[in-house]
Amino acid sequence: MREIKFRGKRIDNGEWVYGCLTRYSREMSYITVDLIENEVYEVYTDTVGEYIGLREMEIYEGDIARCYGGEYWQGTWEFNVVIEIDSILNPRVLMHLSESENLKIIGNIHDNPELVQI
């Protein structure tokens, strides 16, 4: 079963939090880290990203990954590219890349927007 979780950047201190998402409106989003301890934080809605569900790596929408050249399936690929992870990227491609040593998360579009320009 796929694990469903989100992350968002806290409004009060700018730190990332991970957990369950609640949206009260387009402008109001909250991440619940621990319901029993009442650990709930308001986050910037535009920073909310969903965990894409890979078991090999914890990757969220909005992450930026670098793919390095190397062996891939039955062939070889020689490219060095930066990709932004979003919900429309084929998860099978990411799954195979993440199983190799050739995919590294190098930042995200919120903390490292300059990486998208590479």
PDB file of N, CA and C in Angstrom:
ATOM      1  N   MET A   1       0.835  -1.179   0.000  1.00  0.00           N
ATOM      2  CA  MET A   1       0.000   0.000   0.000  1.00  0.00           C
ATOM      3  C   MET A   1       0.883   1.246   0.000  1.00  0.00           C
ATOM      4  N   ARG A   2       0.516   2.224  -0.766  1.00  0.00           N
ATOM      5  CA  ARG A   2       1.283   3.453  -0.888  1.00  0.00           C
ATOM      6  C   ARG A   2       1.099   4.329   0.344  1.00  0.00           C
ATOM      7  N   GLU A   3       2.218   4.828   0.844  1.00  0.00           N
ATOM      8  CA  GLU A   3       2.180   5.739   1.988  1.00  0.00           C
ATOM      9  C   GLU A   3       1.835   7.138   1.487  1.00  0.00           C
ATOM     10  N   ILE A   4       0.878   7.774   2.126  1.00  0.00           N
ATOM     11  CA  ILE A   4       0.475   9.123   1.730  1.00  0.00           C
ATOM     12  C   ILE A   4       0.949  10.087   2.800  1.00  0.00           C
ATOM     13  N   LYS A   5       1.840  10.993   2.404  1.00  0.00           N
ATOM     14  CA  LYS A   5       2.293  12.030   3.330  1.00  0.00           C
ATOM     15  C   LYS A   5       2.729  13.243   2.527  1.00  0.00           C
ATOM     16  N   PHE A   6       2.815  14.341   3.229  1.00  0.00           N
ATOM     17  CA  PHE A   6       3.112  15.621   2.604  1.00  0.00           C
ATOM     18  C   PHE A   6       4.208  16.334   3.383  1.00  0.00           C
ATOM     19  N   ARG A   7       4.742  17.365   2.750  1.00  0.00           N
ATOM     20  CA  ARG A   7       5.647  18.261   3.458  1.00  0.00           C
ATOM     21  C   ARG A   7       5.243  19.686   3.094  1.00  0.00           C
ATOM     22  N   GLY A   8       5.615  20.600   3.973  1.00  0.00           N
ATOM     23  CA  GLY A   8       5.363  22.010   3.730  1.00  0.00           C
ATOM     24  C   GLY A   8       6.295  22.834   4.595  1.00  0.00           C
ATOM     25  N   LYS A   9       6.500  24.072   4.185  1.00  0.00           N
ATOM     26  CA  LYS A   9       7.395  24.973   4.912  1.00  0.00           C
ATOM     27  C   LYS A   9       6.579  25.785   5.913  1.00  0.00           C
ATOM     28  N   ARG A  10       6.970  25.695   7.184  1.00  0.00           N
ATOM     29  CA  ARG A  10       6.236  26.377   8.253  1.00  0.00           C
ATOM     30  C   ARG A  10       6.255  27.891   8.071  1.00  0.00           C
ATOM     31  N   ILE A  11       5.112  28.508   8.341  1.00  0.00           N
ATOM     32  CA  ILE A  11       4.999  29.963   8.254  1.00  0.00           C
ATOM     33  C   ILE A  11       5.743  30.632   9.397  1.00  0.00           C
ATOM     34  N   ASP A  12       5.741  30.026  10.582  1.00  0.00           N
ATOM     35  CA  ASP A  12       6.330  30.695  11.749  1.00  0.00           C
ATOM     36  C   ASP A  12       7.856  30.715  11.753  1.00  0.00           C
ATOM     37  N   ASN A  13       8.506  29.693  11.147  1.00  0.00           N
ATOM     38  CA  ASN A  13       9.976  29.695  11.202  1.00  0.00           C
ATOM     39  C   ASN A  13      10.672  29.226   9.921  1.00  0.00           C
ATOM     40  N   GLY A  14       9.912  28.866   8.893  1.00  0.00           N
ATOM     41  CA  GLY A  14      10.508  28.481   7.616  1.00  0.00           C
ATOM     42  C   GLY A  14      11.081  27.079   7.559  1.00  0.00           C
ATOM     43  N   GLU A  15      10.915  26.286   8.614  1.00  0.00           N
ATOM     44  CA  GLU A  15      11.422  24.910   8.609  1.00  0.00           C
ATOM     45  C   GLU A  15      10.432  23.989   7.894  1.00  0.00           C
ATOM     46  N   TRP A  16      10.978  22.908   7.322  1.00  0.00           N
ATOM     47  CA  TRP A  16      10.139  21.909   6.675  1.00  0.00           C
ATOM     48  C   TRP A  16       9.540  20.972   7.721  1.00  0.00           C
ATOM     49  N   VAL A  17       8.253  20.640   7.541  1.00  0.00           N
ATOM     50  CA  VAL A  17       7.590  19.645   8.375  1.00  0.00           C
ATOM     51  C   VAL A  17       6.941  18.604   7.464  1.00  0.00           C
ATOM     52  N   TYR A  18       6.805  17.394   7.995  1.00  0.00           N
ATOM     53  CA  TYR A  18       6.326  16.251   7.219  1.00  0.00           C
ATOM     54  C   TYR A  18       5.194  15.580   7.968  1.00  0.00           C
ATOM     55  N   GLY A  19       4.117  15.253   7.249  1.00  0.00           N
ATOM     56  CA  GLY A  19       2.997  14.582   7.893  1.00  0.00           C
ATOM     57  C   GLY A  19       1.747  14.614   7.035  1.00  0.00           C
ATOM     58  N   CYS A  20       0.594  14.730   7.689  1.00  0.00           N
ATOM     59  CA  CYS A  20      -0.707  14.741   7.015  1.00  0.00           C
ATOM     60  C   CYS A  20      -1.105  16.171   6.683  1.00  0.00           C
ATOM     61  N   LEU A  21      -1.725  16.339   5.537  1.00  0.00           N
ATOM     62  CA  LEU A  21      -2.114  17.671   5.068  1.00  0.00           C
ATOM     63  C   LEU A  21      -3.582  17.937   5.338  1.00  0.00           C
ATOM     64  N   THR A  22      -3.878  19.151   5.815  1.00  0.00           N
ATOM     65  CA  THR A  22      -5.244  19.647   5.933  1.00  0.00           C
ATOM     66  C   THR A  22      -5.279  21.019   5.283  1.00  0.00           C
ATOM     67  N   ARG A  23      -6.231  21.205   4.364  1.00  0.00           N
ATOM     68  CA  ARG A  23      -6.408  22.516   3.727  1.00  0.00           C
ATOM     69  C   ARG A  23      -7.784  23.046   4.099  1.00  0.00           C
ATOM     70  N   TYR A  24      -7.783  24.239   4.699  1.00  0.00           N
ATOM     71  CA  TYR A  24      -9.049  24.865   5.060  1.00  0.00           C
ATOM     72  C   TYR A  24      -9.542  25.794   3.975  1.00  0.00           C
ATOM     73  N   SER A  25      -8.636  26.295   3.177  1.00  0.00           N
ATOM     74  CA  SER A  25      -8.975  27.153   2.046  1.00  0.00           C
ATOM     75  C   SER A  25      -7.774  27.141   1.109  1.00  0.00           C
ATOM     76  N   ARG A  26      -7.840  27.893   0.037  1.00  0.00           N
ATOM     77  CA  ARG A  26      -6.709  27.961  -0.895  1.00  0.00           C
ATOM     78  C   ARG A  26      -5.484  28.576  -0.237  1.00  0.00           C
ATOM     79  N   GLU A  27      -5.698  29.393   0.777  1.00  0.00           N
ATOM     80  CA  GLU A  27      -4.593  30.090   1.433  1.00  0.00           C
ATOM     81  C   GLU A  27      -4.153  29.449   2.741  1.00  0.00           C
ATOM     82  N   MET A  28      -4.959  28.579   3.316  1.00  0.00           N
ATOM     83  CA  MET A  28      -4.652  28.027   4.641  1.00  0.00           C
ATOM     84  C   MET A  28      -4.403  26.526   4.567  1.00  0.00           C
ATOM     85  N   SER A  29      -3.141  26.129   4.789  1.00  0.00           N
ATOM     86  CA  SER A  29      -2.765  24.713   4.785  1.00  0.00           C
ATOM     87  C   SER A  29      -2.031  24.384   6.072  1.00  0.00           C
ATOM     88  N   TYR A  30      -2.275  23.191   6.587  1.00  0.00           N
ATOM     89  CA  TYR A  30      -1.653  22.746   7.831  1.00  0.00           C
ATOM     90  C   TYR A  30      -1.082  21.344   7.641  1.00  0.00           C
ATOM     91  N   ILE A  31       0.072  21.103   8.254  1.00  0.00           N
ATOM     92  CA  ILE A  31       0.666  19.770   8.290  1.00  0.00           C
ATOM     93  C   ILE A  31       0.595  19.281   9.735  1.00  0.00           C
ATOM     94  N   THR A  32      -0.006  18.111   9.919  1.00  0.00           N
ATOM     95  CA  THR A  32      -0.061  17.482  11.235  1.00  0.00           C
ATOM     96  C   THR A  32       1.065  16.465  11.323  1.00  0.00           C
ATOM     97  N   VAL A  33       1.999  16.718  12.219  1.00  0.00           N
ATOM     98  CA  VAL A  33       3.125  15.818  12.436  1.00  0.00           C
ATOM     99  C   VAL A  33       2.738  14.742  13.440  1.00  0.00           C
ATOM    100  N   ASP A  34       2.077  15.151  14.519  1.00  0.00           N
ATOM    101  CA  ASP A  34       1.667  14.218  15.573  1.00  0.00           C
ATOM    102  C   ASP A  34       0.359  14.723  16.163  1.00  0.00           C
ATOM    103  N   LEU A  35      -0.717  14.015  15.886  1.00  0.00           N
ATOM    104  CA  LEU A  35      -2.039  14.441  16.341  1.00  0.00           C
ATOM    105  C   LEU A  35      -2.178  14.340  17.853  1.00  0.00           C
ATOM    106  N   ILE A  36      -1.628  13.291  18.447  1.00  0.00           N
ATOM    107  CA  ILE A  36      -1.744  13.099  19.895  1.00  0.00           C
ATOM    108  C   ILE A  36      -1.037  14.221  20.650  1.00  0.00           C
ATOM    109  N   GLU A  37       0.124  14.623  20.165  1.00  0.00           N
ATOM    110  CA  GLU A  37       0.888  15.701  20.806  1.00  0.00           C
ATOM    111  C   GLU A  37       0.454  17.086  20.323  1.00  0.00           C
ATOM    112  N   ASN A  38      -0.597  17.133  19.501  1.00  0.00           N
ATOM    113  CA  ASN A  38      -1.099  18.382  18.937  1.00  0.00           C
ATOM    114  C   ASN A  38       0.009  19.151  18.200  1.00  0.00           C
ATOM    115  N   GLU A  39       0.811  18.414  17.454  1.00  0.00           N
ATOM    116  CA  GLU A  39       1.901  19.014  16.688  1.00  0.00           C
ATOM    117  C   GLU A  39       1.387  19.301  15.272  1.00  0.00           C
ATOM    118  N   VAL A  40       0.749  20.469  15.123  1.00  0.00           N
ATOM    119  CA  VAL A  40       0.140  20.899  13.867  1.00  0.00           C
ATOM    120  C   VAL A  40       0.711  22.262  13.520  1.00  0.00           C
ATOM    121  N   TYR A  41       1.137  22.425  12.263  1.00  0.00           N
ATOM    122  CA  TYR A  41       1.793  23.666  11.856  1.00  0.00           C
ATOM    123  C   TYR A  41       1.144  24.235  10.602  1.00  0.00           C
ATOM    124  N   GLU A  42       0.937  25.541  10.610  1.00  0.00           N
ATOM    125  CA  GLU A  42       0.485  26.201   9.392  1.00  0.00           C
ATOM    126  C   GLU A  42       1.680  26.314   8.457  1.00  0.00           C
ATOM    127  N   VAL A  43       1.457  25.969   7.190  1.00  0.00           N
ATOM    128  CA  VAL A  43       2.534  25.992   6.203  1.00  0.00           C
ATOM    129  C   VAL A  43       2.130  26.865   5.018  1.00  0.00           C
ATOM    130  N   TYR A  44       3.141  27.334   4.294  1.00  0.00           N
ATOM    131  CA  TYR A  44       2.877  28.072   3.063  1.00  0.00           C
ATOM    132  C   TYR A  44       2.275  27.105   2.047  1.00  0.00           C
ATOM    133  N   THR A  45       1.081  27.406   1.569  1.00  0.00           N
ATOM    134  CA  THR A  45       0.378  26.516   0.651  1.00  0.00           C
ATOM    135  C   THR A  45       1.190  26.218  -0.599  1.00  0.00           C
ATOM    136  N   ASP A  46       1.900  27.211  -1.112  1.00  0.00           N
ATOM    137  CA  ASP A  46       2.650  26.990  -2.353  1.00  0.00           C
ATOM    138  C   ASP A  46       3.875  26.099  -2.163  1.00  0.00           C
ATOM    139  N   THR A  47       4.237  25.756  -0.916  1.00  0.00           N
ATOM    140  CA  THR A  47       5.374  24.861  -0.676  1.00  0.00           C
ATOM    141  C   THR A  47       4.947  23.417  -0.432  1.00  0.00           C
ATOM    142  N   VAL A  48       3.653  23.160  -0.358  1.00  0.00           N
ATOM    143  CA  VAL A  48       3.172  21.811  -0.065  1.00  0.00           C
ATOM    144  C   VAL A  48       3.484  20.883  -1.238  1.00  0.00           C
ATOM    145  N   GLY A  49       4.080  19.736  -0.910  1.00  0.00           N
ATOM    146  CA  GLY A  49       4.365  18.715  -1.916  1.00  0.00           C
ATOM    147  C   GLY A  49       4.060  17.346  -1.356  1.00  0.00           C
ATOM    148  N   GLU A  50       3.561  16.477  -2.220  1.00  0.00           N
ATOM    149  CA  GLU A  50       3.219  15.120  -1.789  1.00  0.00           C
ATOM    150  C   GLU A  50       4.386  14.172  -2.025  1.00  0.00           C
ATOM    151  N   TYR A  51       4.593  13.259  -1.097  1.00  0.00           N
ATOM    152  CA  TYR A  51       5.558  12.175  -1.237  1.00  0.00           C
ATOM    153  C   TYR A  51       5.128  11.333  -2.425  1.00  0.00           C
ATOM    154  N   ILE A  52       6.064  11.043  -3.343  1.00  0.00           N
ATOM    155  CA  ILE A  52       5.661  10.352  -4.566  1.00  0.00           C
ATOM    156  C   ILE A  52       5.580   8.840  -4.411  1.00  0.00           C
ATOM    157  N   GLY A  53       5.976   8.318  -3.265  1.00  0.00           N
ATOM    158  CA  GLY A  53       5.726   6.916  -2.969  1.00  0.00           C
ATOM    159  C   GLY A  53       6.835   5.934  -3.280  1.00  0.00           C
ATOM    160  N   LEU A  54       8.021   6.392  -3.633  1.00  0.00           N
ATOM    161  CA  LEU A  54       9.127   5.466  -3.874  1.00  0.00           C
ATOM    162  C   LEU A  54       9.662   4.951  -2.555  1.00  0.00           C
ATOM    163  N   ARG A  55       9.893   3.667  -2.468  1.00  0.00           N
ATOM    164  CA  ARG A  55      10.429   3.093  -1.238  1.00  0.00           C
ATOM    165  C   ARG A  55      11.935   3.305  -1.133  1.00  0.00           C
ATOM    166  N   GLU A  56      12.601   3.421  -2.267  1.00  0.00           N
ATOM    167  CA  GLU A  56      14.056   3.529  -2.273  1.00  0.00           C
ATOM    168  C   GLU A  56      14.545   4.902  -1.814  1.00  0.00           C
ATOM    169  N   MET A  57      13.779   5.934  -2.119  1.00  0.00           N
ATOM    170  CA  MET A  57      14.179   7.309  -1.781  1.00  0.00           C
ATOM    171  C   MET A  57      12.943   8.084  -1.354  1.00  0.00           C
ATOM    172  N   GLU A  58      13.125   9.009  -0.446  1.00  0.00           N
ATOM    173  CA  GLU A  58      12.011   9.861  -0.042  1.00  0.00           C
ATOM    174  C   GLU A  58      12.036  11.107  -0.924  1.00  0.00           C
ATOM    175  N   ILE A  59      11.182  11.109  -1.947  1.00  0.00           N
ATOM    176  CA  ILE A  59      11.129  12.185  -2.926  1.00  0.00           C
ATOM    177  C   ILE A  59       9.743  12.801  -2.878  1.00  0.00           C
ATOM    178  N   TYR A  60       9.702  14.135  -2.902  1.00  0.00           N
ATOM    179  CA  TYR A  60       8.452  14.879  -2.864  1.00  0.00           C
ATOM    180  C   TYR A  60       8.308  15.715  -4.122  1.00  0.00           C
ATOM    181  N   GLU A  61       7.054  16.044  -4.469  1.00  0.00           N
ATOM    182  CA  GLU A  61       6.814  16.990  -5.549  1.00  0.00           C
ATOM    183  C   GLU A  61       7.569  18.270  -5.219  1.00  0.00           C
ATOM    184  N   GLY A  62       8.201  18.832  -6.220  1.00  0.00           N
ATOM    185  CA  GLY A  62       8.968  20.051  -6.013  1.00  0.00           C
ATOM    186  C   GLY A  62      10.439  19.808  -5.752  1.00  0.00           C
ATOM    187  N   ASP A  63      10.835  18.545  -5.526  1.00  0.00           N
ATOM    188  CA  ASP A  63      12.254  18.235  -5.363  1.00  0.00           C
ATOM    189  C   ASP A  63      12.973  18.401  -6.693  1.00  0.00           C
ATOM    190  N   ILE A  64      14.252  18.648  -6.603  1.00  0.00           N
ATOM    191  CA  ILE A  64      15.095  18.746  -7.791  1.00  0.00           C
ATOM    192  C   ILE A  64      16.111  17.620  -7.701  1.00  0.00           C
ATOM    193  N   ALA A  65      16.191  16.834  -8.758  1.00  0.00           N
ATOM    194  CA  ALA A  65      17.087  15.677  -8.776  1.00  0.00           C
ATOM    195  C   ALA A  65      18.105  15.833  -9.894  1.00  0.00           C
ATOM    196  N   ARG A  66      19.285  15.274  -9.667  1.00  0.00           N
ATOM    197  CA  ARG A  66      20.307  15.218 -10.708  1.00  0.00           C
ATOM    198  C   ARG A  66      20.474  13.758 -11.100  1.00  0.00           C
ATOM    199  N   CYS A  67      20.454  13.517 -12.405  1.00  0.00           N
ATOM    200  CA  CYS A  67      20.678  12.178 -12.947  1.00  0.00           C
ATOM    201  C   CYS A  67      22.079  12.150 -13.532  1.00  0.00           C
ATOM    202  N   TYR A  68      22.846  11.181 -13.120  1.00  0.00           N
ATOM    203  CA  TYR A  68      24.222  11.036 -13.578  1.00  0.00           C
ATOM    204  C   TYR A  68      24.302   9.916 -14.605  1.00  0.00           C
ATOM    205  N   GLY A  69      25.230  10.023 -15.536  1.00  0.00           N
ATOM    206  CA  GLY A  69      25.431   8.988 -16.546  1.00  0.00           C
ATOM    207  C   GLY A  69      25.862   7.682 -15.916  1.00  0.00           C
ATOM    208  N   GLY A  70      25.520   6.584 -16.565  1.00  0.00           N
ATOM    209  CA  GLY A  70      25.905   5.280 -16.048  1.00  0.00           C
ATOM    210  C   GLY A  70      25.064   4.193 -16.668  1.00  0.00           C
ATOM    211  N   GLU A  71      25.137   3.008 -16.121  1.00  0.00           N
ATOM    212  CA  GLU A  71      24.344   1.914 -16.658  1.00  0.00           C
ATOM    213  C   GLU A  71      22.891   2.082 -16.252  1.00  0.00           C
ATOM    214  N   TYR A  72      22.015   1.813 -17.165  1.00  0.00           N
ATOM    215  CA  TYR A  72      20.592   1.984 -16.943  1.00  0.00           C
ATOM    216  C   TYR A  72      19.863   0.882 -17.689  1.00  0.00           C
ATOM    217  N   TRP A  73      19.146   0.074 -17.004  1.00  0.00           N
ATOM    218  CA  TRP A  73      18.507  -1.109 -17.564  1.00  0.00           C
ATOM    219  C   TRP A  73      19.539  -1.920 -18.324  1.00  0.00           C
ATOM    220  N   GLN A  74      19.352  -2.116 -19.644  1.00  0.00           N
ATOM    221  CA  GLN A  74      20.279  -2.939 -20.405  1.00  0.00           C
ATOM    222  C   GLN A  74      21.201  -2.109 -21.282  1.00  0.00           C
ATOM    223  N   GLY A  75      21.206  -0.826 -21.110  1.00  0.00           N
ATOM    224  CA  GLY A  75      22.048   0.018 -21.946  1.00  0.00           C
ATOM    225  C   GLY A  75      22.846   0.983 -21.104  1.00  0.00           C
ATOM    226  N   THR A  76      23.411   1.936 -21.757  1.00  0.00           N
ATOM    227  CA  THR A  76      24.181   2.968 -21.073  1.00  0.00           C
ATOM    228  C   THR A  76      23.631   4.312 -21.494  1.00  0.00           C
ATOM    229  N   TRP A  77      23.542   5.193 -20.552  1.00  0.00           N
ATOM    230  CA  TRP A  77      23.120   6.549 -20.890  1.00  0.00           C
ATOM    231  C   TRP A  77      24.169   7.501 -20.390  1.00  0.00           C
ATOM    232  N   GLU A  78      24.436   8.485 -21.187  1.00  0.00           N
ATOM    233  CA  GLU A  78      25.472   9.460 -20.864  1.00  0.00           C
ATOM    234  C   GLU A  78      24.864  10.856 -20.893  1.00  0.00           C
ATOM    235  N   PHE A  79      24.294  11.241 -19.802  1.00  0.00           N
ATOM    236  CA  PHE A  79      23.813  12.612 -19.691  1.00  0.00           C
ATOM    237  C   PHE A  79      23.829  13.015 -18.236  1.00  0.00           C
ATOM    238  N   ASN A  80      23.854  14.277 -18.043  1.00  0.00           N
ATOM    239  CA  ASN A  80      23.874  14.847 -16.706  1.00  0.00           C
ATOM    240  C   ASN A  80      22.781  15.907 -16.719  1.00  0.00           C
ATOM    241  N   VAL A  81      21.660  15.638 -16.096  1.00  0.00           N
ATOM    242  CA  VAL A  81      20.513  16.521 -16.226  1.00  0.00           C
ATOM    243  C   VAL A  81      19.907  16.770 -14.848  1.00  0.00           C
ATOM    244  N   VAL A  82      19.331  17.929 -14.705  1.00  0.00           N
ATOM    245  CA  VAL A  82      18.596  18.264 -13.492  1.00  0.00           C
ATOM    246  C   VAL A  82      17.120  18.234 -13.839  1.00  0.00           C
ATOM    247  N   ILE A  83      16.331  17.528 -13.035  1.00  0.00           N
ATOM    248  CA  ILE A  83      14.899  17.456 -13.292  1.00  0.00           C
ATOM    249  C   ILE A  83      14.133  17.903 -12.061  1.00  0.00           C
ATOM    250  N   GLU A  84      13.024  18.565 -12.316  1.00  0.00           N
ATOM    251  CA  GLU A  84      12.124  18.937 -11.226  1.00  0.00           C
ATOM    252  C   GLU A  84      11.095  17.830 -11.095  1.00  0.00           C
ATOM    253  N   ILE A  85      10.925  17.330  -9.890  1.00  0.00           N
ATOM    254  CA  ILE A  85       9.963  16.255  -9.649  1.00  0.00           C
ATOM    255  C   ILE A  85       8.575  16.869  -9.547  1.00  0.00           C
ATOM    256  N   ASP A  86       7.657  16.367 -10.356  1.00  0.00           N
ATOM    257  CA  ASP A  86       6.271  16.806 -10.225  1.00  0.00           C
ATOM    258  C   ASP A  86       5.359  15.599 -10.385  1.00  0.00           C
ATOM    259  N   SER A  87       4.096  15.821 -10.224  1.00  0.00           N
ATOM    260  CA  SER A  87       3.156  14.705 -10.188  1.00  0.00           C
ATOM    261  C   SER A  87       2.939  14.069 -11.552  1.00  0.00           C
ATOM    262  N   ILE A  88       3.365  14.709 -12.648  1.00  0.00           N
ATOM    263  CA  ILE A  88       3.129  14.124 -13.960  1.00  0.00           C
ATOM    264  C   ILE A  88       4.320  13.325 -14.471  1.00  0.00           C
ATOM    265  N   LEU A  89       5.446  13.360 -13.760  1.00  0.00           N
ATOM    266  CA  LEU A  89       6.606  12.577 -14.160  1.00  0.00           C
ATOM    267  C   LEU A  89       6.305  11.097 -13.959  1.00  0.00           C
ATOM    268  N   ASN A  90       6.660  10.288 -14.940  1.00  0.00           N
ATOM    269  CA  ASN A  90       6.361   8.861 -14.886  1.00  0.00           C
ATOM    270  C   ASN A  90       7.052   8.217 -13.682  1.00  0.00           C
ATOM    271  N   PRO A  91       6.297   7.686 -12.724  1.00  0.00           N
ATOM    272  CA  PRO A  91       6.911   7.108 -11.522  1.00  0.00           C
ATOM    273  C   PRO A  91       7.787   5.895 -11.816  1.00  0.00           C
ATOM    274  N   ARG A  92       7.524   5.171 -12.908  1.00  0.00           N
ATOM    275  CA  ARG A  92       8.358   4.016 -13.244  1.00  0.00           C
ATOM    276  C   ARG A  92       9.771   4.447 -13.609  1.00  0.00           C
ATOM    277  N   VAL A  93       9.885   5.559 -14.314  1.00  0.00           N
ATOM    278  CA  VAL A  93      11.215   6.071 -14.659  1.00  0.00           C
ATOM    279  C   VAL A  93      11.963   6.422 -13.386  1.00  0.00           C
ATOM    280  N   LEU A  94      11.319   7.131 -12.483  1.00  0.00           N
ATOM    281  CA  LEU A  94      11.954   7.495 -11.216  1.00  0.00           C
ATOM    282  C   LEU A  94      12.304   6.266 -10.395  1.00  0.00           C
ATOM    283  N   MET A  95      11.442   5.263 -10.409  1.00  0.00           N
ATOM    284  CA  MET A  95      11.709   4.061  -9.635  1.00  0.00           C
ATOM    285  C   MET A  95      13.001   3.401 -10.111  1.00  0.00           C
ATOM    286  N   HIS A  96      13.166   3.271 -11.417  1.00  0.00           N
ATOM    287  CA  HIS A  96      14.370   2.635 -11.944  1.00  0.00           C
ATOM    288  C   HIS A  96      15.598   3.497 -11.706  1.00  0.00           C
ATOM    289  N   LEU A  97      15.457   4.804 -11.847  1.00  0.00           N
ATOM    290  CA  LEU A  97      16.589   5.691 -11.584  1.00  0.00           C
ATOM    291  C   LEU A  97      16.983   5.655 -10.117  1.00  0.00           C
ATOM    292  N   SER A  98      16.001   5.628  -9.232  1.00  0.00           N
ATOM    293  CA  SER A  98      16.315   5.660  -7.804  1.00  0.00           C
ATOM    294  C   SER A  98      16.941   4.354  -7.334  1.00  0.00           C
ATOM    295  N   GLU A  99      16.666   3.252  -8.014  1.00  0.00           N
ATOM    296  CA  GLU A  99      17.278   1.983  -7.652  1.00  0.00           C
ATOM    297  C   GLU A  99      18.752   1.960  -8.019  1.00  0.00           C
ATOM    298  N   SER A 100      19.115   2.765  -9.000  1.00  0.00           N
ATOM    299  CA  SER A 100      20.527   2.866  -9.353  1.00  0.00           C
ATOM    300  C   SER A 100      21.160   3.911  -8.441  1.00  0.00           C
ATOM    301  N   GLU A 101      22.437   4.074  -8.571  1.00  0.00           N
ATOM    302  CA  GLU A 101      23.137   5.079  -7.774  1.00  0.00           C
ATOM    303  C   GLU A 101      23.192   6.408  -8.517  1.00  0.00           C
ATOM    304  N   ASN A 102      22.386   6.544  -9.576  1.00  0.00           N
ATOM    305  CA  ASN A 102      22.534   7.669 -10.489  1.00  0.00           C
ATOM    306  C   ASN A 102      21.550   8.810 -10.260  1.00  0.00           C
ATOM    307  N   LEU A 103      20.700   8.713  -9.273  1.00  0.00           N
ATOM    308  CA  LEU A 103      19.732   9.763  -8.997  1.00  0.00           C
ATOM    309  C   LEU A 103      19.979  10.306  -7.603  1.00  0.00           C
ATOM    310  N   LYS A 104      20.197  11.594  -7.497  1.00  0.00           N
ATOM    311  CA  LYS A 104      20.429  12.248  -6.206  1.00  0.00           C
ATOM    312  C   LYS A 104      19.508  13.458  -6.097  1.00  0.00           C
ATOM    313  N   ILE A 105      18.872  13.616  -4.949  1.00  0.00           N
ATOM    314  CA  ILE A 105      18.086  14.817  -4.685  1.00  0.00           C
ATOM    315  C   ILE A 105      19.068  15.904  -4.276  1.00  0.00           C
ATOM    316  N   ILE A 106      19.062  17.014  -5.014  1.00  0.00           N
ATOM    317  CA  ILE A 106      20.030  18.082  -4.752  1.00  0.00           C
ATOM    318  C   ILE A 106      19.384  19.345  -4.201  1.00  0.00           C
ATOM    319  N   GLY A 107      18.080  19.343  -4.031  1.00  0.00           N
ATOM    320  CA  GLY A 107      17.402  20.509  -3.480  1.00  0.00           C
ATOM    321  C   GLY A 107      15.928  20.460  -3.817  1.00  0.00           C
ATOM    322  N   ASN A 108      15.293  21.621  -3.741  1.00  0.00           N
ATOM    323  CA  ASN A 108      13.889  21.721  -4.128  1.00  0.00           C
ATOM    324  C   ASN A 108      13.637  23.109  -4.695  1.00  0.00           C
ATOM    325  N   ILE A 109      12.509  23.267  -5.363  1.00  0.00           N
ATOM    326  CA  ILE A 109      12.230  24.512  -6.080  1.00  0.00           C
ATOM    327  C   ILE A 109      11.997  25.689  -5.144  1.00  0.00           C
ATOM    328  N   HIS A 110      11.756  25.430  -3.870  1.00  0.00           N
ATOM    329  CA  HIS A 110      11.488  26.508  -2.923  1.00  0.00           C
ATOM    330  C   HIS A 110      12.762  27.031  -2.275  1.00  0.00           C
ATOM    331  N   ASP A 111      13.666  26.136  -1.908  1.00  0.00           N
ATOM    332  CA  ASP A 111      14.920  26.538  -1.266  1.00  0.00           C
ATOM    333  C   ASP A 111      16.037  26.793  -2.273  1.00  0.00           C
ATOM    334  N   ASN A 112      15.945  26.195  -3.442  1.00  0.00           N
ATOM    335  CA  ASN A 112      17.028  26.262  -4.429  1.00  0.00           C
ATOM    336  C   ASN A 112      16.503  26.567  -5.826  1.00  0.00           C
ATOM    337  N   PRO A 113      15.782  27.665  -6.027  1.00  0.00           N
ATOM    338  CA  PRO A 113      15.227  27.938  -7.358  1.00  0.00           C
ATOM    339  C   PRO A 113      16.301  28.109  -8.428  1.00  0.00           C
ATOM    340  N   GLU A 114      17.503  28.466  -8.020  1.00  0.00           N
ATOM    341  CA  GLU A 114      18.585  28.648  -8.992  1.00  0.00           C
ATOM    342  C   GLU A 114      18.977  27.336  -9.664  1.00  0.00           C
ATOM    343  N   LEU A 115      18.700  26.204  -9.033  1.00  0.00           N
ATOM    344  CA  LEU A 115      19.056  24.912  -9.619  1.00  0.00           C
ATOM    345  C   LEU A 115      18.207  24.574 -10.835  1.00  0.00           C
ATOM    346  N   VAL A 116      17.017  25.118 -10.908  1.00  0.00           N
ATOM    347  CA  VAL A 116      16.146  24.865 -12.052  1.00  0.00           C
ATOM    348  C   VAL A 116      16.712  25.540 -13.297  1.00  0.00           C
ATOM    349  N   GLN A 117      17.527  26.548 -13.121  1.00  0.00           N
ATOM    350  CA  GLN A 117      18.104  27.297 -14.236  1.00  0.00           C
ATOM    351  C   GLN A 117      19.282  26.584 -14.879  1.00  0.00           C
ATOM    352  N   ILE A 118      19.780  25.498 -14.272  1.00  0.00           N
ATOM    353  CA  ILE A 118      20.966  24.812 -14.800  1.00  0.00           C
ATOM    354  C   ILE A 118      20.681  24.247 -16.164  1.00  0.00           C
TER     355      ILE A 118
END
